[in-house]
Protein backbone atom coordinates (compact mmCIF):
# COMPACT_ATOMS: atom_id res chain seq x y z
CA UNK A 1 0.25 -0.05 0.11
CA UNK A 2 1.46 3.46 -0.78
CA UNK A 3 1.39 6.74 1.17
CA UNK A 4 -1.59 8.34 -1.12
CA UNK A 5 -3.91 4.97 -1.26
CA UNK A 6 -4.45 5.19 2.09
CA UNK A 7 -5.47 9.01 1.44
CA UNK A 8 -6.38 9.23 -1.83
CA UNK A 9 -4.49 11.70 -4.11
CA UNK A 10 -6.37 15.06 -2.71
CA UNK A 11 -6.31 13.80 1.04
CA UNK A 12 -2.53 12.91 0.58
CA UNK A 13 -1.51 16.41 -0.06
CA UNK A 14 -3.96 17.73 2.37
CA UNK A 15 -2.11 15.34 5.06
CA UNK A 16 1.24 16.04 3.86
CA UNK A 17 0.56 19.73 4.73
CA UNK A 18 -0.99 19.20 7.96
CA UNK A 19 1.69 17.22 8.82
CA UNK A 20 3.97 19.95 8.02
CA UNK A 21 2.64 22.82 10.19
CA UNK A 22 2.94 21.05 12.94
CA UNK A 23 5.96 20.81 12.68
CA UNK A 24 7.98 23.30 10.67
CA UNK A 25 7.45 27.35 10.56
CA UNK A 26 6.53 28.90 7.24
CA UNK A 27 9.60 29.59 4.27
CA UNK A 28 11.36 32.60 5.25
CA UNK A 29 12.48 34.84 2.43
CA UNK A 30 14.89 36.33 4.53
CA UNK A 31 16.86 33.12 5.50
CA UNK A 32 20.19 33.88 4.46
CA UNK A 33 21.89 32.42 1.64
CA UNK A 34 23.32 28.71 2.18
CA UNK A 35 24.56 26.74 -0.68
CA UNK A 36 25.95 23.60 0.07
CA UNK A 37 27.44 24.60 2.95
CA UNK A 38 29.51 27.55 1.88
CA UNK A 39 30.47 29.75 4.54
CA UNK A 40 28.51 27.68 7.29
CA UNK A 41 29.41 24.71 10.02
CA UNK A 42 25.77 25.17 11.37
CA UNK A 43 24.77 21.59 12.01
CA UNK A 44 21.95 22.40 14.28
CA UNK A 45 19.76 23.53 12.13
CA UNK A 46 19.79 20.73 9.61
CA UNK A 47 19.57 17.97 12.75
CA UNK A 48 16.18 20.20 14.26
CA UNK A 49 14.80 19.41 10.79
CA UNK A 50 15.28 16.17 10.21
CA UNK A 51 14.14 15.58 13.90
CA UNK A 52 10.91 18.07 13.51
CA UNK A 53 9.93 15.55 10.51
CA UNK A 54 11.25 12.19 12.61
CA UNK A 55 7.99 9.66 12.88
CA UNK A 56 5.99 10.94 9.55
CA UNK A 57 8.85 9.43 6.98
CA UNK A 58 8.18 13.17 5.02
CA UNK A 59 12.16 13.58 5.35
CA UNK A 60 12.51 10.58 3.33
CA UNK A 61 9.53 10.06 1.77
CA UNK A 62 10.51 7.39 -0.74
CA UNK A 63 12.77 5.29 1.32
CA UNK A 64 10.50 1.96 3.03
CA UNK A 65 8.60 2.73 5.99
CA UNK A 66 10.73 0.36 8.28
CA UNK A 67 13.69 2.59 7.05
CA UNK A 68 12.01 5.83 8.25
CA UNK A 69 10.32 6.76 5.39
CA UNK A 70 6.97 6.53 3.58
CA UNK A 71 7.80 3.93 0.43
CA UNK A 72 6.49 6.94 -1.10
CA UNK A 73 5.85 6.43 -5.15
CA UNK A 74 7.57 9.20 -7.47
CA UNK A 75 4.94 11.33 -8.34
CA UNK A 76 3.97 11.03 -4.05
CA UNK A 77 7.00 11.97 -3.16
CA UNK A 78 7.21 15.23 -5.97
CA UNK A 79 3.86 16.17 -3.91
CA UNK A 80 6.10 16.71 -0.34
CA UNK A 81 8.89 18.36 -2.25
CA UNK A 82 6.34 21.04 -3.68
CA UNK A 83 4.15 21.02 -0.43
CA UNK A 84 8.30 21.47 1.36
CA UNK A 85 8.42 24.99 -0.75
CA UNK A 86 6.01 26.48 1.76
CA UNK A 87 8.03 25.76 4.76
CA UNK A 88 10.84 26.93 6.46
CA UNK A 89 14.19 24.25 4.91
CA UNK A 90 17.87 25.11 6.08
CA UNK A 91 20.58 23.95 4.31
CA UNK A 92 20.95 20.10 4.51
CA UNK A 93 24.62 20.57 3.11
CA UNK A 94 25.89 18.33 6.22
CA UNK A 95 23.26 15.61 5.91
CA UNK A 96 23.21 15.76 2.07
CA UNK A 97 25.57 12.30 1.52
CA UNK A 98 23.49 10.27 4.34
CA UNK A 99 20.02 11.63 3.22
CA UNK A 100 21.02 11.90 -1.12
CA UNK A 101 23.48 9.45 -1.59
CA UNK A 102 24.54 6.69 0.74
CA UNK A 103 21.16 5.58 2.18
CA UNK A 104 19.22 5.64 -1.54
CA UNK A 105 22.62 3.11 -2.63
CA UNK A 106 22.10 1.22 0.42
CA UNK A 107 18.96 0.46 -0.65
CA UNK A 108 20.30 -1.12 -3.53
CA UNK A 109 23.18 -3.03 -2.63
CA UNK A 110 23.07 -2.98 1.93
CA UNK A 111 21.36 -6.15 3.12
CA UNK A 112 18.46 -6.04 5.26
CA UNK A 113 20.09 -6.30 8.68
CA UNK A 114 22.74 -3.02 7.20
CA UNK A 115 20.01 -0.70 6.01
CA UNK A 116 17.94 -1.72 8.91
CA UNK A 117 21.03 -0.40 11.39
CA UNK A 118 22.52 2.22 9.23
CA UNK A 119 19.11 4.09 7.51
CA UNK A 120 17.14 5.19 10.47
CA UNK A 121 20.28 7.00 12.35
CA UNK A 122 20.63 9.16 8.60
CA UNK A 123 16.80 9.88 8.34
CA UNK A 124 16.66 11.05 11.69
CA UNK A 125 19.77 13.05 11.38
CA UNK A 126 21.40 11.50 14.27
CA UNK A 127 24.18 10.38 12.42
CA UNK A 128 25.92 12.33 9.36
CA UNK A 129 28.05 9.85 6.79
CA UNK A 130 30.54 10.70 4.26
CA UNK A 131 31.85 9.31 1.45
CA UNK A 132 35.19 7.73 1.10
CA UNK A 133 35.87 7.52 -2.46
CA UNK A 134 38.66 10.29 -4.03
CA UNK A 135 42.07 9.76 -3.38
CA UNK A 136 45.25 11.94 -4.35
CA UNK A 137 45.71 9.78 -7.55
CA UNK A 138 41.96 8.30 -8.30
CA UNK A 139 39.84 11.63 -8.36
CA UNK A 140 38.39 11.84 -11.77
CA UNK A 141 39.93 8.29 -12.14
CA UNK A 142 37.91 6.56 -9.65
CA UNK A 143 38.62 3.37 -10.14
CA UNK A 144 42.66 3.65 -10.32
CA UNK A 145 41.99 3.81 -6.60
CA UNK A 146 45.04 1.96 -4.52
CA UNK A 147 43.42 2.07 -1.06
CA UNK A 148 43.83 -1.62 0.43
CA UNK A 149 42.02 -3.75 1.86
CA UNK A 150 43.23 -7.23 3.27
CA UNK A 151 40.87 -10.12 4.85
CA UNK A 152 41.93 -11.50 8.03
CA UNK A 153 39.21 -14.10 8.99
CA UNK A 154 36.01 -12.18 9.12
CA UNK A 155 37.62 -9.18 9.77
CA UNK A 156 39.34 -6.78 6.99
CA UNK A 157 42.37 -4.47 7.83
CA UNK A 158 42.67 -1.28 5.30
CA UNK A 159 45.61 0.71 4.56
CA UNK A 160 45.35 4.28 2.18
CA UNK A 161 44.66 7.80 2.12
CA UNK A 162 41.30 9.50 0.98
CA UNK A 163 40.94 12.77 0.26
CA UNK A 164 38.14 15.84 -0.74
CA UNK A 165 36.07 13.44 1.79
CA UNK A 166 33.01 16.16 2.30
CA UNK A 167 31.95 16.37 5.95
CA UNK A 168 34.64 13.88 6.87
CA UNK A 169 35.87 15.33 10.52
CA UNK A 170 31.95 15.17 12.11
CA UNK A 171 30.61 12.13 10.10
CA UNK A 172 29.73 8.91 11.96
CA UNK A 173 30.35 6.44 9.39
CA UNK A 174 31.11 6.67 5.55
CA UNK A 175 31.04 4.20 2.25
CA UNK A 176 34.21 3.87 1.94
CA UNK A 177 35.93 1.93 -1.58
CA UNK A 178 39.45 0.18 -1.11
CA UNK A 179 40.79 -2.51 -3.90
CA UNK A 180 41.04 -6.09 -2.47
CA UNK A 181 43.00 -7.40 -5.48
CA UNK A 182 45.07 -5.86 -7.59
CA UNK A 183 45.58 -9.08 -9.82
CA UNK A 184 42.54 -8.18 -11.61
CA UNK A 185 41.75 -5.38 -13.92
CA UNK A 186 40.81 -1.84 -11.94
CA UNK A 187 37.11 -2.23 -12.09
CA UNK A 188 37.11 -5.60 -10.67
CA UNK A 189 39.14 -5.87 -7.68
CA UNK A 190 37.48 -3.22 -5.66
CA UNK A 191 34.85 -3.75 -2.73
CA UNK A 192 32.71 -1.29 -0.31
CA UNK A 193 32.03 -1.16 2.75
CA UNK A 194 30.58 1.26 5.44
CA UNK A 195 33.49 2.48 8.29
CA UNK A 196 33.04 4.14 11.13
CA UNK A 197 34.65 7.04 11.63
CA UNK A 198 35.97 6.58 15.22
CA UNK A 199 37.95 3.42 13.99
CA UNK A 200 40.89 3.26 15.23
CA UNK A 201 43.79 3.44 12.30
CA UNK A 202 42.05 6.40 10.86
CA UNK A 203 43.65 9.89 10.75
CA UNK A 204 41.22 12.67 9.91
CA UNK A 205 42.70 15.99 8.93
CA UNK A 206 41.46 19.50 7.30
CA UNK A 207 41.63 20.68 4.16
CA UNK A 208 40.76 24.93 3.80
CA UNK A 209 39.23 25.88 0.61
CA UNK A 210 39.56 29.42 -0.71
CA UNK A 211 36.67 30.74 0.27
CA UNK A 212 37.71 30.09 3.66
CA UNK A 213 35.70 26.91 4.44
CA UNK A 214 36.79 23.74 5.88
CA UNK A 215 34.40 21.19 5.14
CA UNK A 216 36.21 18.56 3.29
CA UNK A 217 39.26 16.61 5.05
CA UNK A 218 41.65 13.75 3.82
CA UNK A 219 41.73 10.71 6.03
CA UNK A 220 44.75 8.19 6.60
CA UNK A 221 44.38 5.04 6.91
CA UNK A 222 46.58 2.55 8.94
CA UNK A 223 45.91 -0.74 10.02
CA UNK A 224 41.86 0.49 10.22
CA UNK A 225 39.65 -2.82 11.33
CA UNK A 226 36.59 -3.74 9.53
CA UNK A 227 33.86 -6.72 10.25
CA UNK A 228 32.86 -8.45 7.20
CA UNK A 229 29.25 -7.12 8.49
CA UNK A 230 30.21 -3.87 7.44
CA UNK A 231 30.95 -5.37 3.52
CA UNK A 232 28.37 -3.65 1.10
CA UNK A 233 27.56 -6.17 -1.34
CA UNK A 234 29.61 -8.68 -2.72
CA UNK A 235 33.59 -9.02 -2.26
CA UNK A 236 34.73 -7.26 -5.86
CA UNK A 237 31.25 -5.73 -6.52
CA UNK A 238 32.28 -2.10 -4.94
CA UNK A 239 32.63 -0.69 -8.84
CA UNK A 240 28.57 -1.74 -8.90
CA UNK A 241 28.20 0.31 -5.87
CA UNK A 242 30.10 3.24 -6.59
CA UNK A 243 28.39 3.88 -9.79
CA UNK A 244 25.18 3.72 -7.93
CA UNK A 245 26.21 6.19 -5.84
CA UNK A 246 27.68 8.31 -8.63
CA UNK A 247 24.37 9.05 -10.14
CA UNK A 248 22.48 9.93 -7.04
CA UNK A 249 25.74 12.35 -6.27
CA UNK A 250 25.32 14.26 -9.58
CA UNK A 251 21.75 15.41 -8.94
CA UNK A 252 22.18 15.70 -4.94
CA UNK A 253 25.41 18.29 -5.92
CA UNK A 254 23.70 21.07 -7.55
CA UNK A 255 19.68 20.43 -6.34
CA UNK A 256 19.50 19.28 -2.82
CA UNK A 257 21.27 21.48 -1.01
CA UNK A 258 19.20 24.57 0.09
CA UNK A 259 15.70 23.22 0.04
CA UNK A 260 15.03 24.08 -3.35
CA UNK A 261 16.92 26.62 -6.31
CA UNK A 262 18.86 29.51 -6.29
CA UNK A 263 16.70 32.14 -5.13
CA UNK A 264 16.36 35.09 -8.29
CA UNK A 265 14.45 37.10 -6.15
CA UNK A 266 16.99 37.80 -3.68
CA UNK A 267 19.05 39.39 -6.95
CA UNK A 268 16.25 40.88 -7.85
CA UNK A 269 15.51 42.83 -4.23
CA UNK A 270 19.82 43.55 -4.62
CA UNK A 271 19.72 44.96 -8.37
CA UNK A 272 16.73 47.18 -6.95
CA UNK A 273 18.20 48.80 -3.79
CA UNK A 274 21.41 49.24 -5.80
CA UNK A 275 19.23 51.42 -8.08
CA UNK A 276 20.00 49.23 -11.74
CA UNK A 277 17.15 47.09 -11.97
CA UNK A 278 16.31 49.06 -15.11
CA UNK A 279 19.46 48.93 -16.19
CA UNK A 280 18.63 46.85 -19.53
CA UNK A 281 21.44 44.81 -19.60
CA UNK A 282 20.96 43.81 -16.09
CA UNK A 283 17.36 43.55 -16.94
CA UNK A 284 18.59 40.91 -19.78
CA UNK A 285 20.41 38.85 -17.55
CA UNK A 286 18.09 38.43 -14.97
CA UNK A 287 15.50 37.42 -17.37
CA UNK A 288 18.50 34.66 -18.45
CA UNK A 289 18.76 33.38 -14.90
CA UNK A 290 15.11 33.12 -14.73
CA UNK A 291 14.53 30.75 -17.15
CA UNK A 292 18.20 28.73 -16.63
CA UNK A 293 16.32 28.43 -12.83
CA UNK A 294 12.96 26.91 -14.94
CA UNK A 295 14.67 24.52 -17.06
CA UNK A 296 16.65 23.26 -14.29
CA UNK A 297 13.63 22.81 -12.29
CA UNK A 298 12.56 20.73 -14.81
CA UNK A 299 16.10 18.66 -15.16
CA UNK A 300 15.89 18.12 -11.14
CA UNK A 301 12.74 16.85 -11.74
CA UNK A 302 13.56 13.91 -14.74
CA UNK A 303 17.09 13.32 -13.01
CA UNK A 304 15.24 12.60 -9.98
CA UNK A 305 12.25 10.84 -11.55
CA UNK A 306 14.92 8.00 -13.00
CA UNK A 307 16.93 8.11 -9.79
CA UNK A 308 13.76 6.69 -7.85
CA UNK A 309 13.43 4.06 -10.35
CA UNK A 310 16.45 2.29 -8.63
CA UNK A 311 18.30 2.93 -11.63
CA UNK A 312 19.40 6.17 -11.97
CA UNK A 313 20.91 7.23 -15.62
CA UNK A 314 22.61 9.93 -17.31
CA UNK A 315 20.07 12.72 -16.39
CA UNK A 316 22.18 13.03 -13.13
CA UNK A 317 25.08 14.36 -15.73
CA UNK A 318 23.34 16.85 -17.56
CA UNK A 319 21.61 18.35 -14.24
CA UNK A 320 24.98 18.41 -12.59
CA UNK A 321 26.35 20.74 -15.76
CA UNK A 322 22.98 22.33 -16.11
CA UNK A 323 23.66 23.56 -11.90
CA UNK A 324 27.30 23.93 -11.83
CA UNK A 325 26.83 26.35 -15.02
CA UNK A 326 23.86 28.29 -13.42
CA UNK A 327 25.42 28.60 -10.24
CA UNK A 328 28.24 30.31 -11.28
CA UNK A 329 26.24 32.48 -13.59
CA UNK A 330 23.61 33.63 -10.38
CA UNK A 331 27.15 34.65 -8.63
CA UNK A 332 28.81 36.44 -11.16
CA UNK A 333 25.32 38.43 -11.38
CA UNK A 334 25.82 38.75 -7.81
CA UNK A 335 29.01 40.25 -7.89
CA UNK A 336 28.42 42.20 -11.60
CA UNK A 337 25.04 44.31 -9.42
CA UNK A 338 27.51 45.05 -6.08
CA UNK A 339 29.97 46.15 -8.06
CA UNK A 340 33.46 47.28 -6.22
CA UNK A 341 31.39 46.91 -3.16
CA UNK A 342 31.71 43.04 -3.37
CA UNK A 343 35.00 43.38 -1.59
CA UNK A 344 33.11 44.27 1.60
CA UNK A 345 29.62 43.00 1.26
CA UNK A 346 28.06 41.76 4.19
CA UNK A 347 25.55 39.31 2.30
CA UNK A 348 27.98 36.29 1.06
CA UNK A 349 28.03 37.04 -2.24
CA UNK A 350 31.52 37.07 -2.35
CA UNK A 351 31.46 33.41 -0.21
CA UNK A 352 29.21 32.05 -2.90
CA UNK A 353 31.58 33.14 -5.45
CA UNK A 354 34.06 31.92 -4.65
CA UNK A 355 32.41 28.54 -4.23
CA UNK A 356 31.16 28.19 -7.23
CA UNK A 357 34.38 26.82 -8.88
CA UNK A 358 34.71 23.90 -6.90
CA UNK A 359 31.07 22.77 -7.97
CA UNK A 360 32.81 22.12 -11.94
CA UNK A 361 34.97 19.50 -10.08
CA UNK A 362 32.88 18.46 -6.93
CA UNK A 363 30.87 15.34 -7.45
CA UNK A 364 32.27 14.34 -10.86
CA UNK A 365 34.60 16.95 -12.71
CA UNK A 366 32.51 18.62 -15.81
CA UNK A 367 35.00 16.96 -17.91
CA UNK A 368 33.57 13.59 -16.94
CA UNK A 369 29.68 14.92 -16.82
CA UNK A 370 30.40 15.95 -20.86
CA UNK A 371 31.95 12.74 -21.24
CA UNK A 372 28.76 10.73 -19.94
CA UNK A 373 26.32 12.45 -21.59
CA UNK A 374 28.39 12.10 -24.89
CA UNK A 375 28.64 8.43 -24.66
CA UNK A 376 25.44 7.36 -22.80
CA UNK A 377 22.99 10.31 -24.40
CA UNK A 378 24.17 11.44 -27.57
CA UNK A 379 26.31 7.75 -28.66
CA UNK A 380 29.62 9.46 -29.54
CA UNK A 381 32.15 6.60 -29.56
CA UNK A 382 34.13 5.82 -26.24
CA UNK A 383 37.05 7.40 -24.84
CA UNK A 384 39.83 5.22 -25.51
CA UNK A 385 40.42 3.04 -22.29
CA UNK A 386 43.29 0.90 -22.69
CA UNK A 387 43.68 -0.19 -19.31
CA UNK A 388 40.50 -1.40 -19.15
CA UNK A 389 41.45 -5.09 -19.25
CA UNK A 390 45.21 -4.91 -17.66
CA UNK A 391 45.48 -6.01 -14.11
CA UNK A 392 46.06 -3.17 -11.91
CA UNK A 393 48.84 -4.49 -10.38
CA UNK A 394 51.04 -4.16 -13.78
CA UNK A 395 49.07 0.28 -13.85
CA UNK A 396 51.29 0.70 -10.76
CA UNK A 397 54.77 2.78 -11.19
């Protein structure tokens, strides 16, 4: 039985609105701009939001009821998303990896026992998860990762280094990829695990970005020991797990950061305050941004609907490219309106401007996304991959 079948379509929408109204405050147009945690280390707002929705299933409506969701269909999830627009939703970036990436990946690959152990705390906001994928020599070529996992009975011993781990400093758990077999081609010798970030042998260090944030970390693993019960999927299935997670990440990186899209009304108000709202060039730039955001809304819906079928496709890559470009245009226009005053602006436009370039790198580079769109959407010839069938150990050195 779906969520709507209990109430009927109109009744479901009314129930969602009434439930949200009892748990959340109304939408705040004056809420400070915050996108992907830029300039903001606030964990409390997101935790309070998820705590307020605990027990309703509305924080993760697509998840099964037994794990904190509603078991909702894509159409029902869309209703929840639309109703949420009327309420105060904070920047959920600290919780985004768990809610939008790890959670759906666990539903696709983890055992029922693992889902029962890990998913409810993610939905309730009591546990933050991070993603331990990238390495100093394995970024765009993620399958070239060198972190090793050695099996010893019912345990695994991990050695290596991860980098660009979002929120690694205060995440309680992480989804980690490690190489268990270097004698096979690189895509085949990878296994995935859930790891407690307090495990002995983990050394977590912050990485400061040019916008002043230190949300990313590098993680060193020196004989970190995991139980085989923490292995996600079968041995050697790590690349499949990674692809699932990355498919969800491409959409979440640009669509799920602040409870909605970038607010162009703030830029219109800024232009009015500066007395240049009637400038034809500014009006044209604002109109173009409104159109781009409308197209991005439709792209988000298409990518989310595809992802919720359990088989996320290349639509997320198109969304990632569009979102990165639109975010840059948004921040560039803000600084254009402010002029030299952007250097001392109290609103975080300068912070967002310095954050914008990172969107073309995080969650998969623009170049990788273009390859995916070219090969899987446009049907162009694949990039040459001469190392596909070569044992990983022969690629080293």
